[in-house]
C-alpha atoms as a PDB file:
ATOM      1  CA  MET A   1      12.282 -26.849  15.446  1.00  0.00           C
ATOM      2  CA  SER A   2      12.806 -24.232  18.153  1.00  0.00           C
ATOM      3  CA  THR A   3      11.096 -23.400  21.400  1.00  0.00           C
ATOM      4  CA  VAL A   4       9.554 -19.958  21.804  1.00  0.00           C
ATOM      5  CA  GLU A   5       7.961 -18.461  24.903  1.00  0.00           C
ATOM      6  CA  LEU A   6       4.617 -16.720  24.391  1.00  0.00           C
ATOM      7  CA  ASP A   7       2.503 -14.668  26.729  1.00  0.00           C
ATOM      8  CA  GLU A   8      -0.391 -16.822  27.959  1.00  0.00           C
ATOM      9  CA  ARG A   9      -2.980 -14.457  26.419  1.00  0.00           C
ATOM     10  CA  VAL A  10      -1.262 -14.641  23.039  1.00  0.00           C
ATOM     11  CA  LEU A  11      -1.035 -18.405  23.236  1.00  0.00           C
ATOM     12  CA  GLU A  12      -4.708 -18.701  24.186  1.00  0.00           C
ATOM     13  CA  ALA A  13      -5.708 -16.505  21.244  1.00  0.00           C
ATOM     14  CA  ALA A  14      -3.582 -18.670  18.956  1.00  0.00           C
ATOM     15  CA  ARG A  15      -5.253 -21.791  20.356  1.00  0.00           C
ATOM     16  CA  ARG A  16      -8.716 -20.353  19.708  1.00  0.00           C
ATOM     17  CA  GLU A  17      -7.749 -19.493  16.135  1.00  0.00           C
ATOM     18  CA  ALA A  18      -6.269 -22.946  15.627  1.00  0.00           C
ATOM     19  CA  ASP A  19      -9.471 -24.547  16.928  1.00  0.00           C
ATOM     20  CA  ARG A  20     -11.565 -22.334  14.681  1.00  0.00           C
ATOM     21  CA  ARG A  21      -9.500 -23.335  11.644  1.00  0.00           C
ATOM     22  CA  GLY A  22      -9.080 -26.956  12.656  1.00  0.00           C
ATOM     23  CA  ILE A  23      -5.283 -26.795  12.563  1.00  0.00           C
ATOM     24  CA  ASP A  24      -2.427 -27.125  15.041  1.00  0.00           C
ATOM     25  CA  VAL A  25      -1.590 -24.066  17.123  1.00  0.00           C
ATOM     26  CA  SER A  26       1.997 -24.155  15.814  1.00  0.00           C
ATOM     27  CA  GLU A  27       0.656 -23.482  12.305  1.00  0.00           C
ATOM     28  CA  VAL A  28      -1.159 -20.374  13.541  1.00  0.00           C
ATOM     29  CA  VAL A  29       1.935 -19.080  15.317  1.00  0.00           C
ATOM     30  CA  THR A  30       4.165 -19.809  12.319  1.00  0.00           C
ATOM     31  CA  ALA A  31       1.784 -18.024   9.936  1.00  0.00           C
ATOM     32  CA  ALA A  32       1.609 -15.000  12.248  1.00  0.00           C
ATOM     33  CA  VAL A  33       5.387 -14.752  12.475  1.00  0.00           C
ATOM     34  CA  GLN A  34       5.748 -15.123   8.706  1.00  0.00           C
ATOM     35  CA  ARG A  35       3.255 -12.293   8.112  1.00  0.00           C
ATOM     36  CA  PHE A  36       5.061 -10.105  10.645  1.00  0.00           C
ATOM     37  CA  VAL A  37       8.455 -10.732   9.045  1.00  0.00           C
ATOM     38  CA  ALA A  38       7.086 -10.213   5.527  1.00  0.00           C
ATOM     39  CA  GLY A  39       5.501  -6.948   6.666  1.00  0.00           C
ATOM     40  CA  ALA A  40       8.783  -5.770   8.135  1.00  0.00           C
ATOM     41  CA  ASP A  41      10.599  -6.697   4.924  1.00  0.00           C
ATOM     42  CA  LEU A  42       8.025  -4.772   2.883  1.00  0.00           C
ATOM     43  CA  GLN A  43       8.435  -1.691   5.083  1.00  0.00           C
ATOM     44  CA  GLU A  44      12.202  -1.842   4.593  1.00  0.00           C
ATOM     45  CA  LEU A  45      11.765  -2.172   0.837  1.00  0.00           C
ATOM     46  CA  LEU A  46       9.386   0.800   0.688  1.00  0.00           C
ATOM     47  CA  ALA A  47      11.792   2.874   2.782  1.00  0.00           C
ATOM     48  CA  GLU A  48      14.587   2.007   0.363  1.00  0.00           C
ATOM     49  CA  PHE A  49      12.448   3.119  -2.587  1.00  0.00           C
ATOM     50  CA  ARG A  50      11.710   6.404  -0.824  1.00  0.00           C
ATOM     51  CA  ARG A  51      15.426   6.971  -0.135  1.00  0.00           C
ATOM     52  CA  ARG A  52      16.277   6.314  -3.795  1.00  0.00           C
ATOM     53  CA  ASP A  53      13.529   8.651  -5.017  1.00  0.00           C
ATOM     54  CA  GLU A  54      14.655  11.413  -2.687  1.00  0.00           C
ATOM     55  CA  ALA A  55      18.307  10.961  -3.676  1.00  0.00           C
ATOM     56  CA  SER A  56      17.510  11.075  -7.390  1.00  0.00           C
ATOM     57  CA  GLY A  57      15.133  13.998  -7.096  1.00  0.00           C
ATOM     58  CA  ASP A  58      12.338  11.945  -8.701  1.00  0.00           C
ATOM     59  CA  ALA A  59      10.061  11.952  -5.672  1.00  0.00           C
ATOM     60  CA  LEU A  60       6.689  13.570  -6.243  1.00  0.00           C
ATOM     61  CA  GLY A  61       5.567  16.255  -3.888  1.00  0.00           C
ATOM     62  CA  GLU A  62       2.252  15.790  -2.115  1.00  0.00           C
ATOM     63  CA  ASP A  63       0.480  18.336  -4.314  1.00  0.00           C
ATOM     64  CA  GLU A  64       1.733  16.719  -7.518  1.00  0.00           C
ATOM     65  CA  ALA A  65       0.812  13.232  -6.293  1.00  0.00           C
ATOM     66  CA  ASN A  66      -2.701  14.422  -5.388  1.00  0.00           C
ATOM     67  CA  ARG A  67      -3.102  16.099  -8.777  1.00  0.00           C
ATOM     68  CA  LEU A  68      -2.075  12.929 -10.626  1.00  0.00           C
ATOM     69  CA  ALA A  69      -4.390  10.802  -8.482  1.00  0.00           C
ATOM     70  CA  ALA A  70      -7.318  13.144  -9.165  1.00  0.00           C
ATOM     71  CA  GLU A  71      -6.618  13.034 -12.920  1.00  0.00           C
ATOM     72  CA  GLU A  72      -6.522   9.231 -12.904  1.00  0.00           C
ATOM     73  CA  LEU A  73      -9.740   9.022 -10.908  1.00  0.00           C
ATOM     74  CA  ALA A  74     -11.489  11.386 -13.298  1.00  0.00           C
ATOM     75  CA  SER A  75     -10.247   9.323 -16.255  1.00  0.00           C
ATOM     76  CA  VAL A  76     -11.558   6.076 -14.756  1.00  0.00           C
ATOM     77  CA  ARG A  77     -14.927   7.674 -14.054  1.00  0.00           C
ATOM     78  CA  ARG A  78     -15.166   8.939 -17.655  1.00  0.00           C
ATOM     79  CA  GLU A  79     -14.388   5.456 -18.965  1.00  0.00           C
ATOM     80  CA  ARG A  80     -17.210   3.962 -16.878  1.00  0.00           C
ATOM     81  CA  HIS A  81     -19.807   6.215 -18.491  1.00  0.00           C
END
C-alpha cells in the first residue's frame, strides 16, 4: 500500500461518497483512480486506431460517416414499423 496526498476538498468528497455507499474511503479513491487510468488507456487506444486508419487511408470522412449513420438510422426505423 502507498500513501497519496489529496486536496482536502477531494478527500472530503471521497469521504461523503464512502459514507453514502457504506464503504471505506480508500475504496472510493481506488475506484476513482482505476476509472481515470482506464479512461486514459481507452483514449490512447482510440488515438492509435485513428492513426492506423489515417495511415491506411481507410478513415471515413465526416460526410461519409454521417451518410452511413443516417442510412443505419433509417433502416432501424423501418424495422420498427
